[in-house]
């Protein structure tokens, strides 16, 4: 049973379980989109925090 599960996982990771759609976006592109989105969110959070800080004096 364990061998069948591992075989299924291997096929899934290789994209061999279902027919591939030529219109699908490659994983590398999706990964870069996620990274960019996270960077953008982080920058917005930093800007928001900077605006909330009041100067001492």
Protein backbone atom coordinates (compact mmCIF):
# COMPACT_ATOMS: atom_id res chain seq x y z
CA UNK A 1 0.00 0.00 0.00
CA UNK A 2 2.79 2.41 0.90
CA UNK A 3 4.41 1.84 -2.50
CA UNK A 4 1.16 2.70 -4.29
CA UNK A 5 0.83 5.93 -2.32
CA UNK A 6 4.41 6.95 -3.08
CA UNK A 7 3.93 6.10 -6.74
CA UNK A 8 0.80 8.25 -6.87
CA UNK A 9 2.60 11.17 -5.22
CA UNK A 10 5.50 10.85 -7.64
CA UNK A 11 3.17 10.87 -10.63
CA UNK A 12 1.26 13.83 -9.21
CA UNK A 13 4.42 15.89 -8.75
CA UNK A 14 5.53 15.05 -12.27
CA UNK A 15 2.15 16.06 -13.68
CA UNK A 16 1.37 12.58 -14.92
CA UNK A 17 -2.02 12.00 -13.25
CA UNK A 18 -4.18 14.20 -15.45
CA UNK A 19 -3.91 15.73 -18.89
CA UNK A 20 -1.99 18.99 -18.84
CA UNK A 21 -3.66 22.20 -19.97
CA UNK A 22 -1.48 24.36 -22.21
CA UNK A 23 -3.27 27.44 -20.82
CA UNK A 24 -2.11 26.77 -17.25
CA UNK A 25 0.36 29.25 -15.84
CA UNK A 26 3.71 27.64 -14.98
CA UNK A 27 4.45 27.13 -11.28
CA UNK A 28 7.50 29.40 -11.48
CA UNK A 29 5.33 32.30 -12.67
CA UNK A 30 2.77 31.71 -9.93
CA UNK A 31 5.53 31.55 -7.35
CA UNK A 32 6.95 34.89 -8.49
CA UNK A 33 3.47 36.46 -8.35
CA UNK A 34 3.06 35.29 -4.76
CA UNK A 35 6.50 36.62 -3.77
CA UNK A 36 5.78 40.00 -5.35
CA UNK A 37 2.39 40.20 -3.67
CA UNK A 38 3.95 39.45 -0.27
CA UNK A 39 6.68 42.06 -0.82
CA UNK A 40 4.05 44.64 -1.79
CA UNK A 41 1.95 43.85 1.29
CA UNK A 42 5.00 44.12 3.54
CA UNK A 43 5.89 47.51 2.09
CA UNK A 44 2.32 48.77 2.59
CA UNK A 45 2.33 47.56 6.20
CA UNK A 46 5.62 49.34 6.87
CA UNK A 47 4.28 52.56 5.35
CA UNK A 48 1.09 52.32 7.43
CA UNK A 49 3.06 51.77 10.63
CA UNK A 50 5.33 54.71 9.81
CA UNK A 51 2.30 56.97 9.39
CA UNK A 52 0.85 55.84 12.73
CA UNK A 53 3.97 56.75 14.68
CA UNK A 54 3.80 60.21 16.20
CA UNK A 55 6.93 62.28 16.53
CA UNK A 56 8.18 62.85 20.07
CA UNK A 57 8.54 66.39 21.19
